[in-house]
Every structure is written in structure tokens, then in C-alpha cells.
Protein backbone atom coordinates (compact mmCIF):
# COMPACT_ATOMS: atom_id res chain seq x y z
CA MET A 1 -28.04 -15.12 -68.65
CA THR A 2 -29.62 -17.78 -66.47
CA LEU A 3 -28.73 -18.55 -62.89
CA SER A 4 -27.39 -22.05 -62.52
CA THR A 5 -27.75 -23.33 -58.98
CA ASP A 6 -26.40 -26.80 -59.49
CA ARG A 7 -22.87 -25.73 -60.44
CA THR A 8 -20.04 -23.95 -58.43
CA CYS A 9 -17.68 -21.24 -59.58
CA SER A 10 -14.90 -22.58 -61.71
CA ILE A 11 -12.30 -20.41 -59.89
CA SER A 12 -10.27 -22.62 -57.36
CA ASP A 13 -11.07 -22.13 -53.77
CA CYS A 14 -14.47 -20.42 -54.50
CA THR A 15 -17.57 -22.03 -53.35
CA GLY A 16 -20.12 -19.61 -55.08
CA ARG A 17 -22.87 -20.69 -57.43
CA THR A 18 -22.27 -20.10 -61.06
CA VAL A 19 -23.84 -16.99 -62.55
CA GLY A 20 -22.38 -16.70 -65.89
CA ARG A 21 -19.21 -17.89 -67.94
CA GLY A 22 -18.66 -20.50 -65.26
CA TRP A 23 -18.03 -17.95 -62.52
CA CYS A 24 -19.86 -16.85 -59.54
CA ALA A 25 -21.25 -13.38 -59.19
CA ARG A 26 -18.32 -11.80 -57.49
CA HIS A 27 -15.73 -13.07 -60.01
CA TYR A 28 -18.10 -12.37 -62.96
CA GLY A 29 -18.52 -8.70 -61.76
CA ILE A 30 -14.79 -8.36 -61.43
CA TRP A 31 -14.36 -9.60 -65.06
CA ARG A 32 -16.99 -7.08 -66.26
CA THR A 33 -15.00 -4.19 -64.61
CA HIS A 34 -11.43 -5.23 -65.05
CA GLY A 35 -11.53 -7.90 -67.76
CA ASP A 36 -9.84 -10.56 -65.47
CA PRO A 37 -11.78 -12.52 -62.86
CA LEU A 38 -8.67 -12.78 -60.81
CA HIS A 39 -7.95 -9.00 -60.87
CA PRO A 40 -6.85 -8.04 -57.28
CA VAL A 41 -9.62 -5.90 -55.73
CA ARG A 42 -10.14 -4.73 -52.15
CA ARG A 43 -12.72 -6.75 -50.06
CA TYR A 44 -14.69 -4.75 -47.61
CA VAL A 45 -15.16 -6.24 -44.23
CA ARG A 46 -17.78 -5.15 -41.81
CA GLN A 47 -16.16 -3.37 -38.92
CA GLY A 48 -17.05 -4.40 -35.49
CA SER A 49 -18.33 -2.12 -32.58
CA GLU A 50 -14.80 -1.94 -30.82
CA CYS A 51 -11.15 -2.02 -31.61
CA VAL A 52 -9.78 -5.60 -31.45
CA HIS A 53 -6.72 -4.56 -29.42
CA PRO A 54 -6.90 -5.83 -25.87
CA GLY A 55 -8.30 -3.33 -23.49
CA CYS A 56 -9.22 -0.65 -26.05
CA ASP A 57 -12.79 0.39 -26.40
CA LEU A 58 -12.50 3.05 -29.12
CA LYS A 59 -14.45 2.85 -32.42
CA PRO A 60 -12.61 1.01 -35.14
CA GLN A 61 -11.68 2.74 -38.31
CA ARG A 62 -9.92 0.33 -40.45
CA ARG A 63 -9.06 -3.48 -40.14
CA ASN A 64 -11.09 -3.50 -37.10
CA LEU A 65 -8.65 -1.11 -35.27
CA CYS A 66 -8.80 2.29 -34.05
CA ASN A 67 -6.62 5.04 -35.62
CA LYS A 68 -3.95 4.78 -32.89
CA HIS A 69 -3.33 1.04 -33.14
CA ALA A 70 -3.80 0.87 -36.87
CA LYS A 71 -0.98 3.44 -37.26
CA ARG A 72 1.17 1.45 -34.78
CA GLU A 73 0.53 -1.75 -36.84
CA GLU A 74 1.49 -0.10 -40.10
CA ALA A 75 4.56 1.40 -38.50
CA HIS A 76 5.84 -1.43 -36.40
CA GLY A 77 3.95 -4.54 -37.60
CA GLU A 78 2.06 -4.80 -34.14
CA THR A 79 -0.29 -2.94 -32.13
CA THR A 80 1.46 -2.83 -28.84
CA ASP A 81 2.98 0.35 -27.40
CA PRO A 82 6.72 0.62 -28.39
CA ARG A 83 7.56 1.72 -24.85
CA GLU A 84 5.84 -1.43 -23.78
CA ARG A 85 7.87 -3.55 -26.12
CA ARG A 86 11.06 -1.92 -24.98
CA PHE A 87 10.02 -2.62 -21.42
CA TRP A 88 9.31 -6.44 -21.95
CA ALA A 89 12.56 -6.75 -23.90
CA LYS A 90 14.30 -6.24 -20.70
CA VAL A 91 12.58 -8.92 -18.56
CA ASP A 92 13.78 -12.46 -18.18
CA LYS A 93 10.60 -14.75 -17.90
CA ASN A 94 12.85 -17.87 -17.11
CA GLY A 95 14.14 -16.85 -13.63
CA PRO A 96 14.49 -19.01 -10.59
CA THR A 97 11.60 -20.43 -8.79
CA PRO A 98 11.22 -19.13 -5.34
CA GLU A 99 11.77 -21.64 -2.48
CA ASN A 100 8.62 -20.46 -0.54
CA PRO A 101 6.31 -21.05 -2.10
CA PRO A 102 7.32 -22.87 -5.25
CA ALA A 103 3.86 -22.87 -6.59
CA LEU A 104 4.14 -19.30 -7.70
CA GLY A 105 6.27 -20.47 -10.69
CA PRO A 106 9.45 -18.91 -12.00
CA CYS A 107 10.10 -15.19 -11.44
CA TRP A 108 10.27 -12.77 -14.21
CA ILE A 109 13.70 -11.02 -13.52
CA TRP A 110 14.45 -7.46 -14.41
CA THR A 111 17.63 -7.40 -16.40
CA GLY A 112 17.94 -3.49 -16.94
CA PHE A 113 19.01 -0.95 -14.38
CA ILE A 114 18.69 -1.86 -10.65
CA HIS A 115 18.70 0.77 -7.95
CA ALA A 116 21.60 -0.41 -5.71
CA PRO A 117 20.46 1.00 -2.29
CA SER A 118 16.96 -0.50 -2.71
CA GLY A 119 17.44 -3.36 -4.86
CA TYR A 120 14.34 -2.48 -7.00
CA GLY A 121 14.59 -2.49 -10.83
CA GLN A 122 13.99 1.17 -12.42
CA TYR A 123 12.67 1.88 -15.85
CA GLY A 124 12.67 5.47 -17.32
CA LEU A 125 9.50 6.70 -18.88
CA ARG A 126 8.68 10.11 -20.29
CA ASN A 127 7.32 11.51 -17.01
CA GLY A 128 10.47 10.17 -15.00
CA THR A 129 11.72 7.03 -13.56
CA ARG A 130 9.42 4.41 -12.02
CA LEU A 131 9.58 1.01 -10.31
CA VAL A 132 9.43 -1.84 -12.76
CA HIS A 133 7.22 -4.07 -10.67
CA ARG A 134 4.51 -1.34 -10.42
CA ILE A 135 4.61 -0.79 -14.36
CA SER A 136 4.40 -4.46 -14.98
CA TYR A 137 1.27 -4.73 -12.63
CA GLN A 138 -0.53 -1.93 -14.27
CA TYR A 139 0.34 -3.38 -17.96
CA LEU A 140 -1.04 -6.78 -17.25
CA VAL A 141 -3.43 -6.29 -14.32
CA GLY A 142 -4.65 -2.66 -14.06
CA PRO A 143 -4.33 0.37 -12.04
CA ILE A 144 -2.78 0.01 -8.50
CA PRO A 145 -5.37 0.94 -5.78
CA LYS A 146 -4.44 4.32 -4.31
CA GLY A 147 -2.53 4.12 -1.12
CA LEU A 148 -1.48 0.52 -1.25
CA HIS A 149 1.98 -0.89 -1.99
CA LEU A 150 2.94 -4.10 -4.05
CA ASP A 151 4.19 -6.74 -1.77
CA HIS A 152 6.68 -9.47 -3.43
CA LEU A 153 5.27 -12.92 -2.49
CA CYS A 154 8.47 -14.45 -3.89
CA ARG A 155 10.62 -12.19 -1.83
CA ARG A 156 12.87 -11.04 -4.89
CA ARG A 157 12.84 -7.43 -5.43
CA GLU A 158 14.04 -7.77 -8.97
CA CYS A 159 10.99 -9.79 -10.03
CA CYS A 160 8.14 -8.11 -11.80
CA ARG A 161 5.81 -10.92 -12.38
CA PRO A 162 2.25 -9.80 -11.66
CA ASP A 163 1.39 -13.27 -10.20
CA HIS A 164 4.08 -12.65 -7.54
CA LEU A 165 2.60 -9.07 -6.49
CA GLU A 166 -0.15 -8.34 -4.15
CA PRO A 167 -1.60 -4.83 -3.31
CA VAL A 168 -1.41 -4.49 0.50
CA THR A 169 -1.26 -1.57 2.88
CA PRO A 170 2.33 -0.13 3.82
CA ARG A 171 1.90 -1.46 7.39
CA GLU A 172 1.01 -5.02 6.13
CA ASN A 173 3.79 -4.89 3.61
CA LEU A 174 6.31 -4.03 6.40
CA ARG A 175 4.79 -6.85 8.67
CA ARG A 176 5.07 -9.46 5.92
CA GLY A 177 8.57 -8.53 5.08
CA ASP A 178 11.91 -9.19 7.09
CA GLN A 179 10.92 -6.19 9.20
CA GLY A 180 13.05 -3.93 7.32
CA ALA A 181 16.48 -5.93 7.63
CA PHE A 182 17.40 -4.66 4.30
CA TRP A 183 17.59 -1.17 5.62
CA GLY A 184 18.04 -2.20 9.08
CA TYR A 185 15.61 -3.63 11.69
CA VAL A 186 13.31 -0.98 13.10
CA PRO A 187 12.49 -1.95 16.80
CA GLU A 188 9.39 -1.18 18.49
CA SER A 189 9.40 2.37 20.15
CA ILE A 190 10.37 2.48 23.79
CA PRO A 191 7.52 3.20 26.16
CA MET A 192 7.88 6.33 28.02
CA GLN A 193 8.30 5.80 31.71
CA PRO A 194 5.57 7.43 33.70
CA LYS A 195 6.80 10.28 35.89
CA PRO A 196 6.52 9.65 39.62
CA SER A 197 3.74 11.45 41.11
CA LYS A 198 4.75 14.32 43.62
CA PRO A 199 3.25 14.31 46.94
CA GLU A 200 0.57 16.79 47.76
CA ARG A 201 1.44 17.38 51.34
CA CYS A 202 5.06 18.53 52.59
CA THR A 203 7.31 15.66 53.38
CA GLY A 204 9.24 17.70 55.89
CA CYS A 205 6.31 18.47 58.17
CA GLY A 206 4.97 14.79 58.35
CA ASP A 207 1.53 13.51 57.54
CA ASN A 208 -0.34 16.64 58.55
CA GLY A 209 2.03 18.99 56.58
CA ARG A 210 1.11 22.08 54.63
CA ALA A 211 0.58 21.80 50.90
CA VAL A 212 3.67 21.50 48.62
CA TYR A 213 5.28 24.56 47.71
CA LYS A 214 8.78 23.53 46.04
CA ARG A 215 10.81 20.39 46.13
CA THR A 216 8.19 18.34 47.89
CA LEU A 217 8.44 20.98 50.65
CA CYS A 218 6.00 23.64 52.15
CA ARG A 219 7.11 27.21 51.91
CA PRO A 220 8.53 27.34 55.61
CA CYS A 221 10.40 23.99 55.06
CA TYR A 222 11.86 25.21 51.83
CA ARG A 223 13.21 28.29 53.41
CA LYS A 224 14.91 26.09 56.01
CA TRP A 225 16.42 24.02 53.31
CA LEU A 226 17.76 27.10 51.66
CA LYS A 227 19.54 28.08 54.76
CA ASP A 228 20.82 24.66 55.59
CA PRO A 229 24.62 24.59 54.80
CA ASP A 230 24.71 20.87 54.63
CA ALA A 231 21.93 20.51 51.88
CA GLU A 232 23.06 19.52 48.31
CA ARG A 233 22.14 22.14 45.93
CA PRO A 234 21.57 21.36 42.23
CA SER A 235 23.84 24.11 41.06
CA GLN A 236 26.52 22.62 43.26
CA ARG A 237 26.72 19.26 41.14
CA THR A 238 29.07 19.01 38.43
CA PRO A 239 27.66 18.00 34.83
CA GLU A 240 29.34 14.74 35.17
CA GLN A 241 27.53 14.00 38.60
CA ARG A 242 24.19 15.27 36.86
CA PHE A 243 24.82 12.96 33.87
CA TRP A 244 25.59 9.76 35.86
CA ALA A 245 22.59 10.33 38.07
CA LYS A 246 20.25 9.76 35.07
CA VAL A 247 21.96 6.51 34.15
CA GLU A 248 20.50 3.00 35.05
CA LYS A 249 23.31 0.35 35.04
CA THR A 250 22.23 -3.09 34.14
CA PRO A 251 24.32 -6.20 33.74
CA SER A 252 24.48 -5.66 29.96
CA CYS A 253 23.89 -2.02 29.00
CA TRP A 254 23.90 1.20 30.81
CA LEU A 255 20.41 2.70 29.99
CA TRP A 256 19.65 6.42 29.85
CA THR A 257 16.78 7.40 31.84
CA ALA A 258 16.22 10.98 30.95
CA SER A 259 15.24 12.72 27.96
CA VAL A 260 15.22 10.82 24.78
CA HIS A 261 14.87 12.47 21.20
CA SER A 262 11.60 11.25 19.82
CA LYS A 263 12.77 10.97 16.13
CA THR A 264 16.32 9.50 16.62
CA GLY A 265 15.91 7.51 19.76
CA TYR A 266 19.20 8.89 21.30
CA GLY A 267 19.39 10.20 24.71
CA ARG A 268 19.79 13.97 25.18
CA PHE A 269 21.73 15.73 27.96
CA ALA A 270 22.03 19.50 28.93
CA VAL A 271 25.78 20.14 29.80
CA LYS A 272 24.54 23.72 30.57
CA HIS A 273 22.00 26.11 29.71
CA GLY A 274 21.32 25.89 25.97
CA GLN A 275 23.89 23.27 25.19
CA MET A 276 22.24 19.90 24.38
CA VAL A 277 24.45 16.97 23.42
CA ASP A 278 23.76 13.16 22.65
CA ALA A 279 24.21 11.22 25.79
CA HIS A 280 26.28 8.52 24.14
CA ARG A 281 28.56 11.01 22.75
CA TYR A 282 28.94 12.69 26.14
CA SER A 283 29.54 9.27 27.71
CA TYR A 284 32.27 8.56 25.22
CA PHE A 285 33.99 12.08 25.82
CA LEU A 286 34.14 11.43 29.75
CA ALA A 287 35.57 7.84 29.12
CA PHE A 288 37.97 8.37 26.29
CA GLY A 289 38.40 11.97 25.51
CA ALA A 290 37.26 14.23 22.59
CA ILE A 291 35.80 12.60 19.62
CA PRO A 292 37.71 13.21 16.49
CA ASP A 293 36.48 15.49 13.87
CA GLY A 294 34.17 13.82 11.34
CA LEU A 295 33.68 10.54 13.32
CA ASP A 296 30.53 9.01 14.69
CA VAL A 297 30.12 6.92 17.76
CA HIS A 298 28.74 3.47 16.86
CA HIS A 299 26.85 1.29 19.44
CA THR A 300 28.10 -2.14 19.22
CA CYS A 301 25.19 -3.36 21.25
CA HIS A 302 22.65 -1.76 18.90
CA VAL A 303 20.74 -0.15 21.69
CA ARG A 304 20.42 3.65 21.06
CA HIS A 305 19.72 4.77 24.53
CA CYS A 306 22.74 2.80 25.98
CA ILE A 307 25.69 5.06 27.07
CA ARG A 308 28.09 2.22 28.46
CA PRO A 309 31.63 3.33 27.36
CA GLU A 310 32.59 -0.42 26.56
CA HIS A 311 29.68 -0.59 24.01
CA LEU A 312 30.75 2.64 22.16
CA ARG A 313 33.21 3.06 19.46
CA ALA A 314 34.27 5.97 17.25
CA THR A 315 33.88 5.15 13.38
CA THR A 316 33.51 6.84 10.26
CA ARG A 317 29.98 7.74 8.72
CA SER A 318 30.23 5.21 6.13
CA GLU A 319 31.34 2.58 8.50
CA ASN A 320 28.56 3.52 11.10
CA LEU A 321 25.81 2.91 8.30
CA ALA A 322 27.38 -0.28 7.25
CA LEU A 323 27.49 -1.75 10.79
CA ARG A 324 24.26 -0.58 12.15
CA LYS A 325 21.21 -2.79 12.35
CA VAL A 326 18.80 -0.22 13.69
CA ARG A 327 17.38 2.28 11.31
CA ARG A 328 15.88 5.51 12.30
CA PRO A 329 11.84 5.05 12.12
């Protein structure tokens, strides 16, 4: 048998040089083995160095795929994760285009379960329920930096398009948003008023008085004050008198100037030793009587340290939560 270099294989779609019987070396070898040059045989392809699935750096085992993605392709016809396919099946990529800015393109709207109180879409995974915009960002972009939140540039909470998401700090996320208007506006903390400084010398003795002992008085003047029958004693004032002495009446609100709870922002008043009540509830009690059981006192002015009775209204807990504009920090 001689090799002919001026003729091509007689098999259609084959450009190999003729070796014998008008066939190339491959088809001639198949004929020698199986008796038919067109007998189906498996062609071996050199494997690459990495799996061809995007983002997979494992060593390929067959069809340029690692074992995991090769099994997925055999079972489902594609190499993507079944959980990921179920996730994208619930995403509508033809959502509305945001008005500001419109250059972002249409939103990808989540059509599955949406958590009603927060407005964010949720998706159940093997390890629990997670937010869909975070899952989408991790699928298409990568892991979210630790300690950062994803800000929706399109201002749609049900959108999960990664182009509309930007990792920012929690403080920056609140600053860019509507200041928590969805949950209720969170005002700036009320600065604590400085306590008036007490005089170092007795006010009853004049400029050259002795050092202060109690109530801006030295010891002799304090004893005289205790024996004075016309002097007003703190124990002689009623709780109502002590209460209104701590109120600053402005043209709009009556502001509480004494103790304010650091977490709730409501004023606190000691009716007697060991009995603390909210200042606005005590003001309502003085003006309208006892508060019905199970009702809250709502501020129509939305100022928590206001105790003006005209600005207070007894409502149910659900109505109070629906009407309020201020959320606890």
C-alpha cells in the first residue's frame, strides 16, 4: 500500500489524505477493525486544564467538564445548579424602568414570595430563607463584602438585578434611602440639655458666704430654711405640681424637660418612689382620666417628648403602629 498525497478521502465531509481503498488513515483503520469505514466509533478529545463551566476551576474528567457538572449535564441537560434554575424561573427580567435614573435599564422583578412588612423578596434554600437580591448578587457578581449592605439604586425593593445593587455601609444605605420612611422616619437624637451649674458659695449669705452644703445653702442657712414655716418643701408638693414644674409650654407643643428614656425617647416621671410612668400617659391621665385597658396613647404631633393633652389620643396598638411616623431607633 502506498500513500497518495494528491487525493482526498472519498468519504463525504472528510478532508484527510487517501491511504488505501480511497479512504484516509482514520476511515481505513475503522474498516480494518469493524468492516465498515462509517462504523460509529468514539472520538477522544484532548481535555483542557480546567472545567469549561463558568467559575469552576476543577480538573475536567469528561467532555471538558468536572464530575459535578458532567453529572448535571447528564441528568438535566445543562450544567447550572437546579436551585439556581428554580431561582431565575421566578424572576421577570422585563420589569419597569426606574424613573431616576432611567439609564440603569429595566428592573428584574421577583415574582415569588415577598415579605409583606419589609417589601423584600425571599427565597427558601436548604439552610433557610434569604433575601433574593443578595442571592442574585452572589450568583452573578460574587460574594458580598462582609459588613456591607446592598443598596437598591432603582429604589424598588423587589428588584434583584445586580446592576441596580451597590454594596455600601449600613449608615450610607440609610442616608441614601428615604430615611426609613417605609418603617417610619427616625429623627435625630435630642441633645441632652446641660445641667445648670450649682453655685460654690451660699446664696443666702451673699458674695462672701460659706461653702454650699445643701440646696445652694451653707449649713447654718440650711438649718434656718428647715425651721422657716413659710418655705416650700419638696415633700409638700403634690405629684401634679411636681409634674407641671418639669414642662416647658411652647406655642405648639408642651415639651418635657426632665428625664427621657434613652431607648424610646418618651419622658419619664416618678409619681412616687419606685413608680415610674411615661410622661405623656400621665398627662393624658390628668386631663381625661384613666386610660382604657389595652390602649396606647398616640402623639398626633409625632413629637415623643410632647405631653400636651390636645396632642394625645388613646388608640389601639395596631392603629398606633399604623399612624406613627417616628420609629424607635
